[in-house]
Amino acid sequence: MKSKNIHFSSDSNEWETPQELFDQLNKEFHFQTDVAASKKNHKCRNYFTQKNSALKHRWAGNCFCNPPYGRELSKFVRKAYEESQKAHSGTIVLLIPARTDTKIWHDCIFDKAEIRFLKGRIKFNIDGTKKDNAPFPSAIVIYR
């Protein structure tokens, strides 16, 4: 049996956004692109996968981002912040762990974005096969 710190890790870094939560956000923000998706879990007609990484492309229009929750997370947050500063940017909405003590929160979120902390733990689809409560609190970060 694997031992793991349940507060900061999982067997997968892909946590599929619950459809109900996405639908609520989409009703408000009218997303055009899912910038961190796969063929199986994309929430918008336009989407970037790991293969055609959003980190290498311009984000235009209203974008939804539930990034991989591993080492890539801070790269997606930084990219979202940087893209939000450009003229072509629409609204960018991130669903991320609420790890407010991390450098990326202090560098790219606090005083730069709207933050909505979610009550309770999100029940994510993990690897498209099962639903499981997140082992961390979550937040919606909005760059307008």
Protein backbone atom coordinates (compact mmCIF):
# COMPACT_ATOMS: atom_id res chain seq x y z
CA MET A 1 0.00 0.00 0.00
CA LYS A 2 1.35 3.42 -1.02
CA SER A 3 1.85 6.03 1.63
CA LYS A 4 1.15 9.61 0.65
CA ASN A 5 0.57 12.99 2.17
CA ILE A 6 -3.15 13.40 1.47
CA HIS A 7 -2.97 17.16 1.76
CA PHE A 8 -0.64 17.71 -1.17
CA SER A 9 -0.58 14.74 -3.52
CA SER A 10 -2.56 12.14 -5.39
CA ASP A 11 -1.88 9.33 -7.81
CA SER A 12 -2.94 11.67 -10.66
CA ASN A 13 -2.44 15.36 -11.36
CA GLU A 14 -5.56 15.50 -13.56
CA TRP A 15 -8.68 16.33 -11.60
CA GLU A 16 -11.64 16.71 -13.97
CA THR A 17 -13.88 19.66 -13.18
CA PRO A 18 -17.31 18.56 -11.96
CA GLN A 19 -19.80 19.39 -14.71
CA GLU A 20 -22.18 21.19 -12.34
CA LEU A 21 -19.42 23.56 -11.17
CA PHE A 22 -18.28 24.21 -14.74
CA ASP A 23 -21.87 24.88 -15.84
CA GLN A 24 -22.31 27.48 -13.06
CA LEU A 25 -19.09 29.24 -14.05
CA ASN A 26 -19.84 29.02 -17.76
CA LYS A 27 -23.26 30.60 -17.22
CA GLU A 28 -21.47 33.60 -15.71
CA PHE A 29 -18.37 33.82 -17.91
CA HIS A 30 -19.35 32.24 -21.28
CA PHE A 31 -16.08 30.39 -21.88
CA GLN A 32 -14.64 29.98 -25.35
CA THR A 33 -11.57 27.88 -24.55
CA ASP A 34 -10.59 25.24 -22.00
CA VAL A 35 -6.84 25.78 -21.73
CA ALA A 36 -5.94 22.64 -19.75
CA ALA A 37 -7.93 19.69 -21.02
CA SER A 38 -7.79 16.32 -22.70
CA LYS A 39 -9.86 14.79 -25.49
CA LYS A 40 -11.90 13.01 -22.81
CA ASN A 41 -12.52 15.82 -20.33
CA HIS A 42 -12.62 19.12 -22.26
CA LYS A 43 -15.42 21.45 -21.28
CA CYS A 44 -15.35 23.79 -24.32
CA ARG A 45 -15.36 23.23 -28.07
CA ASN A 46 -11.92 24.88 -28.24
CA TYR A 47 -9.32 23.39 -25.94
CA PHE A 48 -5.62 22.84 -25.39
CA THR A 49 -4.23 19.45 -24.42
CA GLN A 50 -0.90 18.49 -22.92
CA LYS A 51 0.33 17.82 -26.47
CA ASN A 52 -0.54 21.31 -27.81
CA SER A 53 0.21 23.02 -24.52
CA ALA A 54 -1.56 26.27 -23.68
CA LEU A 55 1.68 27.37 -22.07
CA LYS A 56 3.08 27.87 -25.58
CA HIS A 57 0.07 29.68 -27.06
CA ARG A 58 -1.82 32.94 -26.70
CA TRP A 59 -5.03 32.78 -24.66
CA ALA A 60 -7.76 34.85 -26.28
CA GLY A 61 -11.37 35.36 -25.28
CA ASN A 62 -12.85 33.98 -22.08
CA CYS A 63 -10.79 31.02 -20.89
CA PHE A 64 -11.40 28.32 -18.31
CA CYS A 65 -8.42 26.62 -16.68
CA ASN A 66 -8.38 23.69 -14.30
CA PRO A 67 -4.62 23.05 -14.60
CA PRO A 68 -2.73 19.88 -13.75
CA TYR A 69 -2.27 19.92 -9.99
CA GLY A 70 1.40 18.93 -10.01
CA ARG A 71 4.52 20.92 -10.74
CA GLU A 72 2.88 22.50 -13.79
CA LEU A 73 0.26 24.31 -11.67
CA SER A 74 2.37 27.39 -10.99
CA LYS A 75 3.24 27.66 -14.71
CA PHE A 76 -0.45 27.81 -15.60
CA VAL A 77 -1.18 30.39 -12.88
CA ARG A 78 1.72 32.57 -14.05
CA LYS A 79 0.61 32.20 -17.69
CA ALA A 80 -2.97 33.16 -16.75
CA TYR A 81 -1.76 36.26 -14.95
CA GLU A 82 0.54 37.25 -17.84
CA GLU A 83 -2.16 36.67 -20.46
CA SER A 84 -4.62 38.73 -18.42
CA GLN A 85 -2.29 41.72 -18.79
CA LYS A 86 -2.43 41.63 -22.61
CA ALA A 87 -4.84 43.61 -24.78
CA HIS A 88 -6.38 40.52 -26.44
CA SER A 89 -7.29 38.92 -23.16
CA GLY A 90 -10.82 38.22 -22.06
CA THR A 91 -11.71 36.88 -18.64
CA ILE A 92 -9.55 33.99 -17.38
CA VAL A 93 -10.97 31.73 -14.67
CA LEU A 94 -8.84 29.21 -12.79
CA LEU A 95 -9.98 26.35 -10.56
CA ILE A 96 -7.00 25.63 -8.30
CA PRO A 97 -6.07 24.34 -4.85
CA ALA A 98 -6.33 27.10 -2.24
CA ARG A 99 -2.71 26.90 -1.13
CA THR A 100 -2.44 30.51 -0.12
CA ASP A 101 0.97 30.12 1.49
CA THR A 102 2.71 29.38 -1.81
CA LYS A 103 4.92 31.77 -3.77
CA ILE A 104 2.65 31.70 -6.82
CA TRP A 105 -0.32 32.98 -4.79
CA HIS A 106 1.76 35.89 -3.52
CA ASP A 107 3.35 36.65 -6.91
CA CYS A 108 0.38 36.23 -9.25
CA ILE A 109 -2.93 36.11 -7.37
CA PHE A 110 -3.14 38.30 -4.26
CA ASP A 111 -3.97 41.91 -5.23
CA LYS A 112 -4.11 40.87 -8.90
CA ALA A 113 -7.23 38.72 -9.19
CA GLU A 114 -10.67 38.16 -7.73
CA ILE A 115 -10.64 35.13 -5.43
CA ARG A 116 -13.65 32.97 -4.51
CA PHE A 117 -12.93 30.30 -1.93
CA LEU A 118 -15.15 27.25 -2.32
CA LYS A 119 -16.99 25.82 0.66
CA GLY A 120 -16.15 22.21 1.44
CA ARG A 121 -14.18 19.89 -0.81
CA ILE A 122 -14.88 19.47 -4.51
CA LYS A 123 -15.82 15.99 -5.68
CA PHE A 124 -13.62 15.56 -8.77
CA ASN A 125 -13.64 12.94 -11.49
CA ILE A 126 -10.17 11.43 -11.36
CA ASP A 127 -8.79 9.85 -14.53
CA GLY A 128 -12.37 9.73 -15.83
CA THR A 129 -13.14 6.63 -13.78
CA LYS A 130 -14.17 7.57 -10.27
CA LYS A 131 -15.30 10.51 -8.20
CA ASP A 132 -13.35 11.46 -5.14
CA ASN A 133 -13.27 14.39 -2.73
CA ALA A 134 -10.25 16.59 -3.22
CA PRO A 135 -7.69 16.27 -0.43
CA PHE A 136 -7.38 20.08 -0.43
CA PRO A 137 -9.60 23.18 -0.34
CA SER A 138 -10.19 24.88 -3.70
CA ALA A 139 -10.59 28.40 -5.04
CA ILE A 140 -11.80 30.11 -8.16
CA VAL A 141 -9.31 32.77 -9.30
CA ILE A 142 -10.59 35.32 -11.81
CA TYR A 143 -8.56 37.65 -13.98
CA ARG A 144 -10.73 40.23 -15.75
